[in-house]
């Protein structure tokens, strides 16, 4: 009898994990679709791509690509990368945000660069692979 209960529990656990994986992939596709709908100028996209490449290489750039943007453009980039900009249906991913921010800060990125990299990672905005 115990093995029947254990087998049923294992089957239920496998089903739940499978649903979470499928549901997570579907949610990520919807998030990527949302992210690509966010308007970004060519200059903003170029700065974000340069910062993304630096983040992937784990080495900060000597010249901050965000400094090449106007003050308004740079503020917009930071805004779209923020937790409050991400639609509620996708959650705020606060734990992942804090961990990612600490990771990028530990690699030598400044606060603004780390915030944009976190937003590109979590919100998926401005990513060349999204």
N, C-alpha and C. Protein backbone atom coordinates (compact mmCIF):
# COMPACT_ATOMS: atom_id res chain seq x y z
N UNK A 1 0.82 -1.19 0.00
CA UNK A 1 0.00 0.00 0.00
C UNK A 1 0.87 1.26 0.00
N UNK A 2 1.97 1.25 0.75
CA UNK A 2 2.84 2.41 0.83
C UNK A 2 3.44 2.74 -0.53
N UNK A 3 3.80 1.69 -1.28
CA UNK A 3 4.41 1.95 -2.59
C UNK A 3 3.40 2.54 -3.57
N UNK A 4 2.11 2.22 -3.39
CA UNK A 4 1.07 2.78 -4.25
C UNK A 4 0.95 4.28 -4.00
N UNK A 5 0.94 4.66 -2.74
CA UNK A 5 0.86 6.07 -2.37
C UNK A 5 2.11 6.80 -2.85
N UNK A 6 3.28 6.18 -2.65
CA UNK A 6 4.53 6.79 -3.10
C UNK A 6 4.57 6.95 -4.61
N UNK A 7 4.09 5.95 -5.33
CA UNK A 7 4.05 6.02 -6.80
C UNK A 7 3.10 7.11 -7.28
N UNK A 8 1.94 7.20 -6.63
CA UNK A 8 0.97 8.23 -7.00
C UNK A 8 1.54 9.63 -6.73
N UNK A 9 2.21 9.78 -5.60
CA UNK A 9 2.81 11.06 -5.26
C UNK A 9 3.90 11.42 -6.27
N UNK A 10 4.73 10.45 -6.64
CA UNK A 10 5.80 10.69 -7.62
C UNK A 10 5.21 11.09 -8.97
N UNK A 11 4.14 10.42 -9.39
CA UNK A 11 3.49 10.74 -10.66
C UNK A 11 2.91 12.15 -10.62
N UNK A 12 2.29 12.50 -9.50
CA UNK A 12 1.74 13.84 -9.34
C UNK A 12 2.84 14.89 -9.38
N UNK A 13 3.93 14.63 -8.71
CA UNK A 13 5.07 15.55 -8.70
C UNK A 13 5.63 15.75 -10.10
N UNK A 14 5.78 14.67 -10.85
CA UNK A 14 6.28 14.75 -12.22
C UNK A 14 5.32 15.57 -13.09
N UNK A 15 4.02 15.37 -12.91
CA UNK A 15 3.03 16.13 -13.69
C UNK A 15 3.09 17.61 -13.37
N UNK A 16 3.22 17.95 -12.08
CA UNK A 16 3.29 19.35 -11.69
C UNK A 16 4.54 20.01 -12.25
N UNK A 17 5.67 19.35 -12.15
CA UNK A 17 6.92 19.90 -12.69
C UNK A 17 6.79 20.09 -14.20
N UNK A 18 6.20 19.13 -14.88
CA UNK A 18 6.00 19.25 -16.32
C UNK A 18 5.13 20.44 -16.67
N UNK A 19 4.05 20.64 -15.92
CA UNK A 19 3.18 21.79 -16.16
C UNK A 19 3.91 23.10 -15.91
N UNK A 20 4.72 23.14 -14.87
CA UNK A 20 5.47 24.36 -14.57
C UNK A 20 6.46 24.68 -15.68
N UNK A 21 7.12 23.66 -16.20
CA UNK A 21 8.09 23.88 -17.28
C UNK A 21 7.39 24.37 -18.54
N UNK A 22 6.30 23.74 -18.90
CA UNK A 22 5.55 24.15 -20.09
C UNK A 22 4.96 25.53 -19.89
N UNK A 23 4.38 25.77 -18.71
CA UNK A 23 3.80 27.07 -18.40
C UNK A 23 4.86 28.16 -18.37
N UNK A 24 6.03 27.85 -17.84
CA UNK A 24 7.13 28.83 -17.78
C UNK A 24 7.62 29.20 -19.17
N UNK A 25 7.72 28.21 -20.04
CA UNK A 25 8.16 28.49 -21.42
C UNK A 25 7.13 29.35 -22.13
N UNK A 26 5.86 29.07 -21.93
CA UNK A 26 4.79 29.86 -22.55
C UNK A 26 4.83 31.30 -22.03
N UNK A 27 4.99 31.44 -20.71
CA UNK A 27 5.06 32.77 -20.12
C UNK A 27 6.27 33.54 -20.67
N UNK A 28 7.41 32.87 -20.80
CA UNK A 28 8.60 33.55 -21.32
C UNK A 28 8.41 33.98 -22.77
N UNK A 29 7.69 33.20 -23.56
CA UNK A 29 7.40 33.62 -24.94
C UNK A 29 6.51 34.86 -24.95
N UNK A 30 5.52 34.89 -24.06
CA UNK A 30 4.65 36.07 -23.97
C UNK A 30 5.43 37.28 -23.47
N UNK A 31 6.33 37.07 -22.51
CA UNK A 31 7.16 38.18 -22.01
C UNK A 31 8.07 38.70 -23.11
N UNK A 32 8.68 37.81 -23.88
CA UNK A 32 9.55 38.24 -24.98
C UNK A 32 8.75 39.01 -26.02
N UNK A 33 7.53 38.57 -26.30
CA UNK A 33 6.68 39.29 -27.26
C UNK A 33 6.36 40.69 -26.73
N UNK A 34 6.04 40.78 -25.44
CA UNK A 34 5.78 42.09 -24.84
C UNK A 34 7.04 42.96 -24.94
N UNK A 35 8.19 42.40 -24.61
CA UNK A 35 9.44 43.16 -24.59
C UNK A 35 9.78 43.73 -25.97
N UNK A 36 9.52 42.97 -27.01
CA UNK A 36 9.84 43.47 -28.36
C UNK A 36 8.85 44.52 -28.81
N UNK A 37 7.72 44.67 -28.11
CA UNK A 37 6.75 45.70 -28.47
C UNK A 37 7.09 47.07 -27.85
N UNK A 38 8.07 47.10 -26.96
CA UNK A 38 8.45 48.35 -26.30
C UNK A 38 9.28 49.18 -27.29
N UNK A 39 8.85 50.42 -27.55
CA UNK A 39 9.60 51.24 -28.51
C UNK A 39 10.96 51.66 -27.98
N UNK A 40 11.99 51.43 -28.78
CA UNK A 40 13.36 51.79 -28.43
C UNK A 40 13.98 52.42 -29.67
N UNK A 41 14.59 53.58 -29.49
CA UNK A 41 15.23 54.25 -30.63
C UNK A 41 16.49 53.49 -31.03
N UNK A 42 17.01 53.83 -32.19
CA UNK A 42 18.24 53.17 -32.68
C UNK A 42 19.40 53.45 -31.72
N UNK A 43 19.50 54.67 -31.23
CA UNK A 43 20.60 55.02 -30.30
C UNK A 43 20.46 54.26 -28.99
N UNK A 44 19.23 54.15 -28.49
CA UNK A 44 18.99 53.40 -27.25
C UNK A 44 19.32 51.92 -27.46
N UNK A 45 18.89 51.38 -28.59
CA UNK A 45 19.16 49.97 -28.88
C UNK A 45 20.66 49.71 -28.99
N UNK A 46 21.38 50.62 -29.61
CA UNK A 46 22.83 50.46 -29.75
C UNK A 46 23.51 50.48 -28.38
N UNK A 47 23.10 51.42 -27.52
CA UNK A 47 23.69 51.50 -26.18
C UNK A 47 23.36 50.25 -25.37
N UNK A 48 22.13 49.78 -25.49
CA UNK A 48 21.72 48.60 -24.74
C UNK A 48 22.43 47.34 -25.26
N UNK A 49 22.62 47.23 -26.57
CA UNK A 49 23.35 46.08 -27.13
C UNK A 49 24.80 46.07 -26.65
N UNK A 50 25.43 47.26 -26.62
CA UNK A 50 26.82 47.35 -26.15
C UNK A 50 26.91 46.94 -24.68
N UNK A 51 25.95 47.41 -23.89
CA UNK A 51 25.94 47.07 -22.46
C UNK A 51 25.64 45.58 -22.27
N UNK A 52 24.75 45.04 -23.08
CA UNK A 52 24.43 43.61 -23.01
C UNK A 52 25.66 42.76 -23.31
N UNK A 53 26.40 43.14 -24.34
CA UNK A 53 27.62 42.40 -24.70
C UNK A 53 28.63 42.47 -23.57
N UNK A 54 28.76 43.63 -22.94
CA UNK A 54 29.68 43.77 -21.80
C UNK A 54 29.22 42.91 -20.63
N UNK A 55 27.91 42.88 -20.41
CA UNK A 55 27.38 42.04 -19.33
C UNK A 55 27.61 40.57 -19.59
N UNK A 56 27.44 40.14 -20.84
CA UNK A 56 27.68 38.74 -21.18
C UNK A 56 29.16 38.38 -21.03
N UNK A 57 30.03 39.35 -21.34
CA UNK A 57 31.47 39.13 -21.19
C UNK A 57 31.93 39.31 -19.74
N UNK A 58 31.03 39.82 -18.90
CA UNK A 58 31.31 40.06 -17.48
C UNK A 58 32.44 41.07 -17.26
N UNK A 59 32.57 42.00 -18.20
CA UNK A 59 33.57 43.06 -18.07
C UNK A 59 32.96 44.40 -18.43
N UNK A 60 32.96 45.33 -17.49
CA UNK A 60 32.40 46.66 -17.79
C UNK A 60 33.21 47.37 -18.87
N UNK A 61 32.53 48.21 -19.63
CA UNK A 61 33.20 48.98 -20.67
C UNK A 61 33.87 50.20 -20.05
N UNK A 62 34.98 50.64 -20.65
CA UNK A 62 35.66 51.82 -20.13
C UNK A 62 34.81 53.08 -20.37
N UNK A 63 34.08 53.11 -21.47
CA UNK A 63 33.15 54.21 -21.74
C UNK A 63 31.72 53.69 -21.62
N UNK A 64 30.96 54.30 -20.75
CA UNK A 64 29.57 53.88 -20.52
C UNK A 64 28.72 54.22 -21.74
N UNK A 65 28.15 53.22 -22.42
CA UNK A 65 27.33 53.51 -23.60
C UNK A 65 26.08 54.32 -23.28
N UNK A 66 25.64 54.28 -22.03
CA UNK A 66 24.48 55.07 -21.64
C UNK A 66 24.80 56.56 -21.60
N UNK A 67 26.08 56.89 -21.40
CA UNK A 67 26.50 58.30 -21.39
C UNK A 67 26.39 58.94 -22.77
N UNK A 68 26.38 58.12 -23.82
CA UNK A 68 26.26 58.65 -25.19
C UNK A 68 24.83 59.07 -25.50
N UNK A 69 23.89 58.65 -24.66
CA UNK A 69 22.48 59.00 -24.87
C UNK A 69 22.17 60.35 -24.25
N UNK A 70 21.10 60.97 -24.73
CA UNK A 70 20.63 62.19 -24.07
C UNK A 70 20.12 61.80 -22.68
N UNK A 71 19.96 62.78 -21.83
CA UNK A 71 19.49 62.50 -20.47
C UNK A 71 18.10 61.85 -20.51
N UNK A 72 17.24 62.33 -21.40
CA UNK A 72 15.89 61.77 -21.53
C UNK A 72 15.94 60.32 -22.01
N UNK A 73 16.78 60.06 -23.01
CA UNK A 73 16.90 58.69 -23.53
C UNK A 73 17.44 57.73 -22.48
N UNK A 74 18.43 58.17 -21.73
CA UNK A 74 19.00 57.32 -20.68
C UNK A 74 17.97 57.04 -19.59
N UNK A 75 17.19 58.04 -19.21
CA UNK A 75 16.14 57.85 -18.20
C UNK A 75 15.08 56.87 -18.70
N UNK A 76 14.75 56.96 -19.98
CA UNK A 76 13.77 56.04 -20.55
C UNK A 76 14.28 54.60 -20.52
N UNK A 77 15.55 54.42 -20.86
CA UNK A 77 16.14 53.07 -20.83
C UNK A 77 16.09 52.51 -19.41
N UNK A 78 16.44 53.31 -18.43
CA UNK A 78 16.38 52.86 -17.04
C UNK A 78 14.94 52.55 -16.65
N UNK A 79 14.01 53.38 -17.10
CA UNK A 79 12.59 53.18 -16.77
C UNK A 79 12.07 51.85 -17.32
N UNK A 80 12.34 51.56 -18.59
CA UNK A 80 11.79 50.33 -19.18
C UNK A 80 12.46 49.08 -18.61
N UNK A 81 13.58 49.26 -17.96
CA UNK A 81 14.27 48.12 -17.33
C UNK A 81 13.85 47.92 -15.88
N UNK A 82 13.03 48.82 -15.36
CA UNK A 82 12.63 48.77 -13.96
C UNK A 82 11.55 47.74 -13.66
N UNK A 83 11.47 47.35 -12.41
CA UNK A 83 10.47 46.37 -11.97
C UNK A 83 9.05 46.91 -12.15
N UNK A 84 8.87 48.21 -11.96
CA UNK A 84 7.52 48.78 -12.06
C UNK A 84 7.03 48.83 -13.51
N UNK A 85 7.94 48.72 -14.48
CA UNK A 85 7.54 48.76 -15.89
C UNK A 85 7.07 47.39 -16.37
N UNK A 86 7.54 46.34 -15.74
CA UNK A 86 7.19 44.96 -16.13
C UNK A 86 5.72 44.70 -15.80
N UNK A 87 4.94 44.16 -16.75
CA UNK A 87 3.53 43.88 -16.47
C UNK A 87 3.36 42.93 -15.28
N UNK A 88 2.37 43.21 -14.45
CA UNK A 88 2.12 42.42 -13.23
C UNK A 88 1.89 40.95 -13.54
N UNK A 89 1.34 40.65 -14.70
CA UNK A 89 1.04 39.24 -15.02
C UNK A 89 2.29 38.37 -15.05
N UNK A 90 3.47 39.00 -15.20
CA UNK A 90 4.72 38.25 -15.23
C UNK A 90 5.43 38.26 -13.89
N UNK A 91 4.85 38.90 -12.89
CA UNK A 91 5.47 38.99 -11.57
C UNK A 91 6.60 40.01 -11.58
N UNK A 92 7.11 40.32 -10.40
CA UNK A 92 8.18 41.34 -10.34
C UNK A 92 9.58 40.74 -10.29
N UNK A 93 9.68 39.46 -10.02
CA UNK A 93 10.97 38.75 -9.99
C UNK A 93 11.97 39.46 -9.09
N UNK A 94 11.51 39.91 -7.93
CA UNK A 94 12.35 40.72 -7.05
C UNK A 94 13.60 39.99 -6.55
N UNK A 95 13.48 38.71 -6.24
CA UNK A 95 14.64 37.97 -5.75
C UNK A 95 15.69 37.86 -6.86
N UNK A 96 15.25 37.54 -8.05
CA UNK A 96 16.17 37.45 -9.19
C UNK A 96 16.78 38.81 -9.50
N UNK A 97 16.00 39.87 -9.36
CA UNK A 97 16.53 41.22 -9.60
C UNK A 97 17.65 41.57 -8.63
N UNK A 98 17.43 41.32 -7.36
CA UNK A 98 18.45 41.64 -6.34
C UNK A 98 19.71 40.82 -6.58
N UNK A 99 19.54 39.54 -6.84
CA UNK A 99 20.70 38.67 -7.07
C UNK A 99 21.46 39.11 -8.32
N UNK A 100 20.75 39.43 -9.38
CA UNK A 100 21.40 39.86 -10.62
C UNK A 100 22.10 41.20 -10.43
N UNK A 101 21.46 42.12 -9.71
CA UNK A 101 22.06 43.43 -9.46
C UNK A 101 23.38 43.26 -8.70
N UNK A 102 23.37 42.44 -7.66
CA UNK A 102 24.59 42.19 -6.89
C UNK A 102 25.66 41.54 -7.76
N UNK A 103 25.24 40.64 -8.64
CA UNK A 103 26.19 39.99 -9.55
C UNK A 103 26.89 41.02 -10.43
N UNK A 104 26.12 41.87 -11.07
CA UNK A 104 26.71 42.87 -11.98
C UNK A 104 27.53 43.91 -11.23
N UNK A 105 27.07 44.31 -10.04
CA UNK A 105 27.85 45.25 -9.22
C UNK A 105 29.18 44.60 -8.84
N UNK A 106 29.15 43.33 -8.50
CA UNK A 106 30.37 42.61 -8.13
C UNK A 106 31.35 42.49 -9.29
N UNK A 107 30.85 42.57 -10.50
CA UNK A 107 31.69 42.50 -11.70
C UNK A 107 32.25 43.87 -12.09
N UNK A 108 31.85 44.93 -11.38
CA UNK A 108 32.40 46.26 -11.63
C UNK A 108 31.50 47.22 -12.39
N UNK A 109 30.27 46.82 -12.66
CA UNK A 109 29.34 47.73 -13.34
C UNK A 109 28.81 48.75 -12.34
N UNK A 110 28.56 49.98 -12.81
CA UNK A 110 28.00 50.98 -11.89
C UNK A 110 26.51 50.71 -11.68
N UNK A 111 25.89 51.47 -10.78
CA UNK A 111 24.48 51.23 -10.42
C UNK A 111 23.56 51.28 -11.63
N UNK A 112 23.72 52.29 -12.46
CA UNK A 112 22.83 52.46 -13.61
C UNK A 112 23.02 51.32 -14.62
N UNK A 113 24.28 50.98 -14.88
CA UNK A 113 24.56 49.88 -15.80
C UNK A 113 23.99 48.57 -15.27
N UNK A 114 24.20 48.32 -13.98
CA UNK A 114 23.68 47.09 -13.37
C UNK A 114 22.16 47.06 -13.44
N UNK A 115 21.51 48.20 -13.19
CA UNK A 115 20.05 48.26 -13.25
C UNK A 115 19.54 47.96 -14.66
N UNK A 116 20.21 48.51 -15.66
CA UNK A 116 19.79 48.26 -17.05
C UNK A 116 20.05 46.79 -17.42
N UNK A 117 21.17 46.25 -17.02
CA UNK A 117 21.45 44.84 -17.30
C UNK A 117 20.44 43.92 -16.63
N UNK A 118 20.06 44.24 -15.41
CA UNK A 118 19.05 43.46 -14.71
C UNK A 118 17.73 43.54 -15.48
N UNK A 119 17.35 44.74 -15.89
CA UNK A 119 16.11 44.90 -16.64
C UNK A 119 16.13 44.18 -17.97
N UNK A 120 17.28 44.21 -18.63
CA UNK A 120 17.38 43.49 -19.90
C UNK A 120 17.27 41.99 -19.68
N UNK A 121 17.80 41.53 -18.56
CA UNK A 121 17.74 40.11 -18.23
C UNK A 121 16.33 39.70 -17.81
N UNK A 122 15.74 40.45 -16.89
CA UNK A 122 14.45 40.07 -16.30
C UNK A 122 13.27 40.52 -17.16
N UNK A 123 13.27 41.78 -17.62
CA UNK A 123 12.17 42.30 -18.44
C UNK A 123 12.31 41.89 -19.91
N UNK A 124 13.52 41.52 -20.29
CA UNK A 124 13.84 41.08 -21.65
C UNK A 124 13.76 42.23 -22.68
N UNK A 125 13.73 43.48 -22.23
CA UNK A 125 13.66 44.60 -23.16
C UNK A 125 15.03 44.92 -23.72
N UNK A 126 15.08 45.28 -24.99
CA UNK A 126 16.33 45.69 -25.62
C UNK A 126 17.35 44.60 -25.85
N UNK A 127 16.99 43.39 -25.60
CA UNK A 127 17.95 42.28 -25.77
C UNK A 127 18.07 41.91 -27.23
N UNK A 128 19.29 41.70 -27.69
CA UNK A 128 19.44 41.30 -29.10
C UNK A 128 18.91 39.89 -29.38
N UNK A 129 18.75 39.07 -28.34
CA UNK A 129 18.29 37.70 -28.54
C UNK A 129 16.80 37.50 -28.25
N UNK A 130 16.10 38.60 -27.93
CA UNK A 130 14.68 38.47 -27.59
C UNK A 130 13.80 38.52 -28.83
